[in-house]
Amino acid sequence: MTVALEVLYIDAEDEWEGIHAGRLSADAITKRRTKLRKLQLSEERRYFPEGVELPAMLIGLATAQASSYFENTFSGESAQ
């Protein structure tokens, strides 16, 4: 899967060059991004058809970090 995703990332980088140069409309960017995401999902499903179950500890850690981020980033905004 690593090689398949590396090829996909090379394609994404090529797409980014077109975006950065201003050669693509917003609609074209959305369509190309969607295409790349579908290709990524296809490769992930090919190598992990049942998905990957993450350990509860990692999910808890990610949830705590996300909560901390949102609290630190957006605290006090509702009062404004």
C-alpha atoms as a PDB file:
ATOM      1  CA  MET A   1       0.000   0.000   0.000  1.00  0.00           C
ATOM      2  CA  THR A   2       2.906   2.348   0.658  1.00  0.00           C
ATOM      3  CA  VAL A   3       3.960   2.329  -2.996  1.00  0.00           C
ATOM      4  CA  ALA A   4       0.375   2.826  -4.177  1.00  0.00           C
ATOM      5  CA  LEU A   5      -0.091   5.804  -1.876  1.00  0.00           C
ATOM      6  CA  GLU A   6       3.281   7.271  -2.869  1.00  0.00           C
ATOM      7  CA  VAL A   7       2.135   7.287  -6.504  1.00  0.00           C
ATOM      8  CA  LEU A   8      -1.093   8.955  -5.410  1.00  0.00           C
ATOM      9  CA  TYR A   9       0.833  11.614  -3.467  1.00  0.00           C
ATOM     10  CA  ILE A  10       2.980  12.326  -6.528  1.00  0.00           C
ATOM     11  CA  ASP A  11      -0.236  12.870  -8.502  1.00  0.00           C
ATOM     12  CA  ALA A  12      -1.563  15.138  -5.739  1.00  0.00           C
ATOM     13  CA  GLU A  13       1.643  17.169  -5.792  1.00  0.00           C
ATOM     14  CA  ASP A  14       1.296  17.556  -9.555  1.00  0.00           C
ATOM     15  CA  GLU A  15      -2.286  18.728  -9.085  1.00  0.00           C
ATOM     16  CA  TRP A  16      -1.104  21.238  -6.472  1.00  0.00           C
ATOM     17  CA  GLU A  17       1.326  22.765  -8.963  1.00  0.00           C
ATOM     18  CA  GLY A  18      -1.604  23.516 -11.269  1.00  0.00           C
ATOM     19  CA  ILE A  19      -3.578  25.016  -8.395  1.00  0.00           C
ATOM     20  CA  HIS A  20      -0.644  27.114  -7.211  1.00  0.00           C
ATOM     21  CA  ALA A  21      -0.058  28.415 -10.733  1.00  0.00           C
ATOM     22  CA  GLY A  22      -3.721  29.461 -10.937  1.00  0.00           C
ATOM     23  CA  ARG A  23      -4.529  27.247 -13.903  1.00  0.00           C
ATOM     24  CA  LEU A  24      -7.593  25.600 -12.347  1.00  0.00           C
ATOM     25  CA  SER A  25     -11.033  26.907 -11.461  1.00  0.00           C
ATOM     26  CA  ALA A  26     -12.558  26.235  -8.050  1.00  0.00           C
ATOM     27  CA  ASP A  27     -14.855  23.631  -9.617  1.00  0.00           C
ATOM     28  CA  ALA A  28     -11.930  21.846 -11.281  1.00  0.00           C
ATOM     29  CA  ILE A  29     -10.011  21.831  -7.995  1.00  0.00           C
ATOM     30  CA  THR A  30     -12.970  20.272  -6.179  1.00  0.00           C
ATOM     31  CA  LYS A  31     -13.401  17.587  -8.836  1.00  0.00           C
ATOM     32  CA  ARG A  32      -9.703  16.696  -8.841  1.00  0.00           C
ATOM     33  CA  ARG A  33      -9.532  16.603  -5.045  1.00  0.00           C
ATOM     34  CA  THR A  34     -12.566  14.302  -4.966  1.00  0.00           C
ATOM     35  CA  LYS A  35     -10.945  12.032  -7.553  1.00  0.00           C
ATOM     36  CA  LEU A  36      -7.731  11.791  -5.509  1.00  0.00           C
ATOM     37  CA  ARG A  37      -9.668  11.033  -2.315  1.00  0.00           C
ATOM     38  CA  LYS A  38     -11.592   8.249  -4.074  1.00  0.00           C
ATOM     39  CA  LEU A  39      -8.340   6.772  -5.384  1.00  0.00           C
ATOM     40  CA  GLN A  40      -6.871   6.846  -1.876  1.00  0.00           C
ATOM     41  CA  LEU A  41      -9.933   5.122  -0.433  1.00  0.00           C
ATOM     42  CA  SER A  42      -9.788   2.515  -3.183  1.00  0.00           C
ATOM     43  CA  GLU A  43      -6.171   1.667  -2.346  1.00  0.00           C
ATOM     44  CA  GLU A  44      -6.901   1.533   1.381  1.00  0.00           C
ATOM     45  CA  ARG A  45      -9.826  -0.829   0.797  1.00  0.00           C
ATOM     46  CA  ARG A  46      -7.734  -3.006  -1.501  1.00  0.00           C
ATOM     47  CA  TYR A  47      -5.086  -3.584   1.169  1.00  0.00           C
ATOM     48  CA  PHE A  48      -7.349  -3.370   4.241  1.00  0.00           C
ATOM     49  CA  PRO A  49     -10.799  -4.549   3.106  1.00  0.00           C
ATOM     50  CA  GLU A  50     -12.029  -4.781   6.691  1.00  0.00           C
ATOM     51  CA  GLY A  51     -10.526  -1.433   7.679  1.00  0.00           C
ATOM     52  CA  VAL A  52      -8.076  -0.858  10.481  1.00  0.00           C
ATOM     53  CA  GLU A  53      -9.281  -0.902  14.054  1.00  0.00           C
ATOM     54  CA  LEU A  54      -7.413   1.628  16.145  1.00  0.00           C
ATOM     55  CA  PRO A  55      -6.651   0.898  19.797  1.00  0.00           C
ATOM     56  CA  ALA A  56      -9.030   2.622  22.228  1.00  0.00           C
ATOM     57  CA  MET A  57      -6.039   4.332  23.846  1.00  0.00           C
ATOM     58  CA  LEU A  58      -5.174   6.119  20.575  1.00  0.00           C
ATOM     59  CA  ILE A  59      -8.766   7.167  20.007  1.00  0.00           C
ATOM     60  CA  GLY A  60      -8.925   8.558  23.553  1.00  0.00           C
ATOM     61  CA  LEU A  61      -5.650  10.426  23.082  1.00  0.00           C
ATOM     62  CA  ALA A  62      -6.803  11.913  19.755  1.00  0.00           C
ATOM     63  CA  THR A  63     -10.121  12.971  21.281  1.00  0.00           C
ATOM     64  CA  ALA A  64      -8.352  14.646  24.217  1.00  0.00           C
ATOM     65  CA  GLN A  65      -5.948  16.471  21.899  1.00  0.00           C
ATOM     66  CA  ALA A  66      -8.792  17.631  19.639  1.00  0.00           C
ATOM     67  CA  SER A  67     -10.763  18.904  22.636  1.00  0.00           C
ATOM     68  CA  SER A  68      -7.720  20.738  23.950  1.00  0.00           C
ATOM     69  CA  TYR A  69      -7.052  22.276  20.531  1.00  0.00           C
ATOM     70  CA  PHE A  70     -10.608  23.541  20.140  1.00  0.00           C
ATOM     71  CA  GLU A  71     -10.698  24.840  23.696  1.00  0.00           C
ATOM     72  CA  ASN A  72      -7.407  26.714  23.265  1.00  0.00           C
ATOM     73  CA  THR A  73      -8.178  27.960  19.760  1.00  0.00           C
ATOM     74  CA  PHE A  74     -11.794  28.966  20.088  1.00  0.00           C
ATOM     75  CA  SER A  75     -12.269  29.757  23.768  1.00  0.00           C
ATOM     76  CA  GLY A  76     -14.013  33.053  24.262  1.00  0.00           C
ATOM     77  CA  GLU A  77     -15.146  33.420  20.639  1.00  0.00           C
ATOM     78  CA  SER A  78     -18.808  32.857  21.497  1.00  0.00           C
ATOM     79  CA  ALA A  79     -18.688  35.800  23.902  1.00  0.00           C
ATOM     80  CA  GLN A  80     -17.632  38.185  21.136  1.00  0.00           C
END
